[in-house]
Protein backbone atom coordinates (compact mmCIF):
# COMPACT_ATOMS: atom_id res chain seq x y z
CA MET A 1 1.65 -7.82 8.74
CA ILE A 2 0.05 -10.50 6.18
CA ARG A 3 1.42 -10.07 2.24
CA PRO A 4 -1.60 -10.78 0.53
CA SER A 5 -1.67 -12.76 -2.86
CA ASP A 6 -2.26 -11.09 -5.61
CA TYR A 7 -5.84 -12.04 -6.71
CA GLU A 8 -6.38 -11.11 -3.02
CA LEU A 9 -4.81 -7.72 -3.50
CA LYS A 10 -6.88 -6.96 -6.32
CA LEU A 11 -10.12 -8.01 -3.73
CA LEU A 12 -8.40 -4.93 -1.39
CA HIS A 13 -7.53 -2.80 -3.74
CA HIS A 14 -12.22 -2.72 -4.48
CA LEU A 15 -12.57 -2.97 -0.57
CA TRP A 16 -10.03 0.03 -0.06
CA ARG A 17 -11.72 1.70 -2.49
CA GLU A 18 -15.91 1.43 -1.49
CA GLY A 19 -15.61 0.58 1.42
CA ARG A 20 -17.07 -2.36 2.24
CA MET A 21 -18.79 -4.68 -0.30
CA SER A 22 -20.89 -8.06 -0.06
CA ALA A 23 -19.48 -10.86 -2.01
CA ARG A 24 -21.43 -10.38 -4.57
CA GLU A 25 -20.20 -6.54 -4.77
CA LEU A 26 -17.30 -7.80 -4.92
CA GLN A 27 -17.51 -10.97 -7.85
CA ASP A 28 -18.71 -7.97 -9.97
CA ALA A 29 -16.36 -5.35 -9.34
CA SER A 30 -13.69 -8.14 -9.84
CA GLU A 31 -14.70 -9.66 -12.90
CA ALA A 32 -13.02 -8.53 -15.70
CA GLU A 33 -9.93 -8.58 -13.88
CA THR A 34 -10.08 -12.50 -12.04
CA GLY A 35 -12.16 -13.81 -14.49
CA TRP A 36 -13.41 -16.27 -11.61
CA SER A 37 -16.90 -17.45 -10.61
CA TYR A 38 -18.92 -16.11 -8.11
CA SER A 39 -17.55 -19.49 -5.95
CA ALA A 40 -13.67 -18.67 -6.44
CA THR A 41 -14.71 -15.85 -5.15
CA ARG A 42 -16.43 -16.97 -1.96
CA LYS A 43 -13.35 -18.92 -0.82
CA THR A 44 -10.47 -16.43 -1.93
CA LEU A 45 -13.02 -14.29 0.98
CA ASP A 46 -12.85 -17.38 3.13
CA ARG A 47 -8.89 -17.46 3.27
CA MET A 48 -8.20 -14.06 3.22
CA GLN A 49 -10.87 -13.80 6.15
CA GLU A 50 -9.04 -16.70 7.98
CA LYS A 51 -5.39 -14.73 7.40
CA GLY A 52 -7.10 -11.68 8.73
CA LEU A 53 -6.89 -9.64 5.52
CA VAL A 54 -10.42 -8.99 5.79
CA ARG A 55 -13.83 -8.73 8.53
CA VAL A 56 -16.74 -10.29 7.84
CA GLU A 57 -19.89 -7.82 9.32
CA ALA A 58 -23.43 -7.86 8.83
CA VAL A 59 -25.04 -5.09 8.09
CA HIS A 60 -29.11 -5.66 7.37
CA GLY A 61 -28.55 -9.58 7.79
CA LEU A 62 -25.90 -9.46 4.68
CA LYS A 63 -22.45 -10.15 4.61
CA THR A 64 -20.39 -7.95 3.78
CA TYR A 65 -16.93 -7.73 3.78
CA VAL A 66 -14.41 -4.51 4.42
CA ALA A 67 -10.64 -4.17 4.61
CA GLY A 68 -9.16 -5.96 7.23
CA GLN A 69 -5.65 -4.14 7.04
CA GLY A 70 -4.69 -0.79 5.91
CA LYS A 71 -4.25 0.54 2.41
CA LEU A 72 -0.86 2.28 2.88
CA GLU A 73 0.25 -0.49 5.79
CA THR A 74 0.26 -3.20 2.75
CA LEU A 75 1.32 -1.45 0.47
CA ALA A 76 4.86 -0.06 2.32
CA ALA A 77 5.12 -3.41 3.50
CA LEU A 78 4.85 -4.74 -0.23
CA SER A 79 7.04 -2.07 -1.67
CA THR A 80 10.04 -2.39 1.10
CA ALA A 81 9.82 -6.12 0.44
CA PHE A 82 9.98 -5.53 -3.49
CA ALA A 83 12.96 -3.25 -2.24
CA ARG A 84 15.06 -5.37 -0.40
CA ASP A 85 13.78 -9.35 -1.60
CA VAL A 86 13.34 -7.90 -6.19
CA LEU A 87 15.65 -5.24 -5.96
CA GLY A 88 18.75 -5.41 -3.30
CA MET A 89 17.97 -2.33 -2.22
CA ASP A 90 18.58 -1.53 2.06
CA ALA A 91 16.29 1.37 1.71
CA PRO A 92 12.64 1.45 0.42
CA LEU A 93 11.57 2.86 -2.24
CA PRO A 94 10.60 6.60 -2.14
CA ALA A 95 7.07 7.61 -2.25
CA ALA A 96 8.01 9.59 -5.33
CA ALA A 97 7.23 6.33 -6.62
CA PHE A 98 3.10 6.45 -6.41
CA ALA A 99 2.64 9.40 -7.27
CA GLY A 100 0.77 8.07 -10.28
CA SER A 101 -1.20 6.14 -8.44
CA LYS A 102 -4.72 5.16 -9.44
CA LEU A 103 -4.96 4.08 -5.72
CA ILE A 104 -2.98 6.34 -3.58
CA SER A 105 -4.17 10.13 -3.37
CA PRO A 106 -1.65 12.82 -3.15
CA GLU A 107 -2.73 13.59 0.02
CA GLU A 108 -1.40 9.58 0.88
CA ILE A 109 1.59 9.70 -0.85
CA ASP A 110 3.17 11.82 2.60
CA GLU A 111 2.04 9.04 4.85
CA LEU A 112 3.07 6.85 2.59
CA GLU A 113 6.32 8.30 3.12
CA ASP A 114 6.36 8.31 7.07
CA LEU A 115 5.03 5.04 7.30
CA LEU A 116 8.32 3.30 5.19
CA LYS A 117 10.56 5.36 7.01
CA ARG A 118 9.30 3.72 9.98
CA LEU A 119 9.88 0.10 8.04
CA GLN A 120 13.09 1.35 7.25
CA GLU A 121 14.10 2.64 10.84
CA GLY A 122 12.98 -0.89 12.15
CA GLU A 123 14.66 -2.81 10.71
């Protein structure tokens, strides 16, 4: 699993929420958070495509982007790494830690819990 940078995560959040977006739509949606120019957003998307974080799909001749990694899988990997590398924990953060998240629905918390358990067992 590829760990996205903080800025790549900002773009992924929009793709996870919307599903498919053009570079211009991503720029408009993330400009307040990133302060980036359109060319900076495009350059980041190109790097993300090279890494496999996004896929490019043409829709009616328009280049669009979709997330190349699942939201829950990415969050499980990032939270496990944070718990281990930053907090020095042997176990992943409990999924309940995400209960107030705007990114994860209550239904997804159960699925995240399962992913966190599988990651812990696979270590």
